[in-house]
N, C-alpha and C. Protein backbone atom coordinates (compact mmCIF):
# COMPACT_ATOMS: atom_id res chain seq x y z
N MET A 1 0.74 -1.36 -0.25
CA MET A 1 -0.18 0.22 0.00
C MET A 1 0.81 1.24 0.05
N GLY A 2 0.95 1.55 -0.82
CA GLY A 2 2.11 2.80 -1.62
C GLY A 2 1.50 3.58 -0.54
N ASP A 3 2.41 5.22 -1.10
CA ASP A 3 1.65 6.78 -0.42
C ASP A 3 0.93 7.25 -1.26
N ILE A 4 -0.50 8.37 -1.46
CA ILE A 4 -0.62 8.73 -2.50
C ILE A 4 0.25 10.03 -2.84
N ILE A 5 0.44 10.40 -4.42
CA ILE A 5 1.37 11.71 -4.61
C ILE A 5 0.63 11.81 -5.09
N ASP A 6 0.49 14.04 -4.18
CA ASP A 6 -0.63 14.98 -5.04
C ASP A 6 0.65 15.16 -6.27
N PRO A 7 -0.18 15.61 -7.20
CA PRO A 7 1.23 16.26 -8.10
C PRO A 7 1.84 17.46 -7.46
N ASP A 8 1.39 18.25 -7.08
CA ASP A 8 1.41 19.68 -6.75
C ASP A 8 3.13 19.06 -6.12
N LEU A 9 2.70 17.77 -5.28
CA LEU A 9 3.83 17.77 -4.23
C LEU A 9 5.12 17.11 -4.82
N ALA A 10 4.76 16.08 -5.96
CA ALA A 10 5.54 15.54 -7.15
C ALA A 10 6.49 17.14 -7.36
N LEU A 11 5.53 18.34 -8.27
CA LEU A 11 6.49 18.64 -8.13
C LEU A 11 7.62 19.10 -7.39
N LEU A 12 7.47 19.61 -6.54
CA LEU A 12 8.33 20.14 -5.28
C LEU A 12 9.19 19.20 -5.22
N ILE A 13 8.94 17.72 -5.07
CA ILE A 13 9.95 16.89 -4.95
C ILE A 13 10.60 16.55 -5.99
N ALA A 14 10.29 17.07 -7.31
CA ALA A 14 11.08 16.96 -8.42
C ALA A 14 12.25 18.26 -8.20
N ASP A 15 11.28 18.72 -8.16
CA ASP A 15 12.24 20.81 -7.83
C ASP A 15 13.14 20.62 -6.51
N ASP A 16 13.70 19.65 -6.13
CA ASP A 16 14.66 19.67 -4.45
C ASP A 16 15.78 20.84 -5.10
N ASP A 17 16.20 21.80 -3.90
CA ASP A 17 17.15 22.20 -4.11
C ASP A 17 17.99 21.93 -2.55
N SER A 18 17.54 20.81 -2.19
CA SER A 18 18.26 20.43 -0.89
C SER A 18 19.02 21.52 0.13
N ASP A 19 17.96 22.29 0.62
CA ASP A 19 17.56 23.31 1.40
C ASP A 19 16.59 22.24 2.72
N GLU A 20 17.65 22.65 3.68
CA GLU A 20 17.00 22.24 5.44
C GLU A 20 15.42 21.76 5.26
N SER A 21 15.40 23.17 5.49
CA SER A 21 13.61 24.04 5.69
C SER A 21 12.91 23.63 4.68
N TYR A 22 13.46 23.54 3.80
CA TYR A 22 12.39 22.70 2.16
C TYR A 22 12.16 21.62 2.99
N LEU A 23 13.14 20.19 3.30
CA LEU A 23 12.26 18.79 3.77
C LEU A 23 11.76 18.72 4.55
N ILE A 24 11.68 19.91 6.13
CA ILE A 24 11.11 20.04 7.12
C ILE A 24 10.01 20.03 6.47
N GLU A 25 9.26 21.09 5.56
CA GLU A 25 8.57 21.87 5.09
C GLU A 25 7.35 20.67 4.54
N ASN A 26 8.66 19.96 3.33
CA ASN A 26 8.10 18.84 2.99
C ASN A 26 7.97 17.47 3.61
N ASP A 27 8.21 17.35 4.91
CA ASP A 27 7.67 15.95 5.33
C ASP A 27 6.26 16.55 5.91
N ALA A 28 6.48 17.69 6.67
CA ALA A 28 5.64 18.45 7.03
C ALA A 28 3.59 18.11 5.90
N ILE A 29 4.17 18.59 5.01
CA ILE A 29 2.62 18.69 4.05
C ILE A 29 2.88 16.67 3.68
N LYS A 30 3.70 15.78 3.27
CA LYS A 30 3.59 14.84 3.40
C LYS A 30 2.66 13.57 4.00
N ASN A 31 3.34 14.37 5.81
CA ASN A 31 2.42 13.90 6.52
C ASN A 31 0.92 14.16 6.60
N GLU A 32 0.79 15.50 7.25
CA GLU A 32 -0.41 15.75 6.89
C GLU A 32 -1.48 15.28 5.54
N LEU A 33 -0.82 15.35 4.41
CA LEU A 33 -1.34 14.83 2.86
C LEU A 33 -1.67 13.04 3.38
N VAL A 34 -0.93 12.66 4.45
CA VAL A 34 -1.36 11.04 4.47
C VAL A 34 -2.44 10.74 6.10
N SER A 35 -2.36 11.67 6.76
CA SER A 35 -3.29 11.99 7.46
C SER A 35 -4.61 11.72 7.33
N LEU A 36 -4.94 12.99 6.08
CA LEU A 36 -6.37 13.00 5.35
C LEU A 36 -6.48 11.86 4.77
N ALA A 37 -5.51 11.55 4.27
CA ALA A 37 -5.84 10.42 3.40
C ALA A 37 -6.71 8.76 4.28
N ASN A 38 -5.54 8.87 5.61
CA ASN A 38 -6.62 7.61 6.57
C ASN A 38 -7.53 8.42 6.97
N SER A 39 -8.07 9.91 6.67
CA SER A 39 -9.31 9.79 7.69
C SER A 39 -10.46 9.86 6.90
N VAL A 40 -10.55 9.29 5.57
CA VAL A 40 -11.35 9.42 4.30
C VAL A 40 -12.10 8.01 4.76
């Protein structure tokens, strides 16, 4: 059972600029998406 990838999120991942705060923000977004998916 894989994670559902949001198209906008996929673009952010593809545009990785190796910024630490970016990685933290990306993780927060991913966790939020997973929580939303699990609550349906």
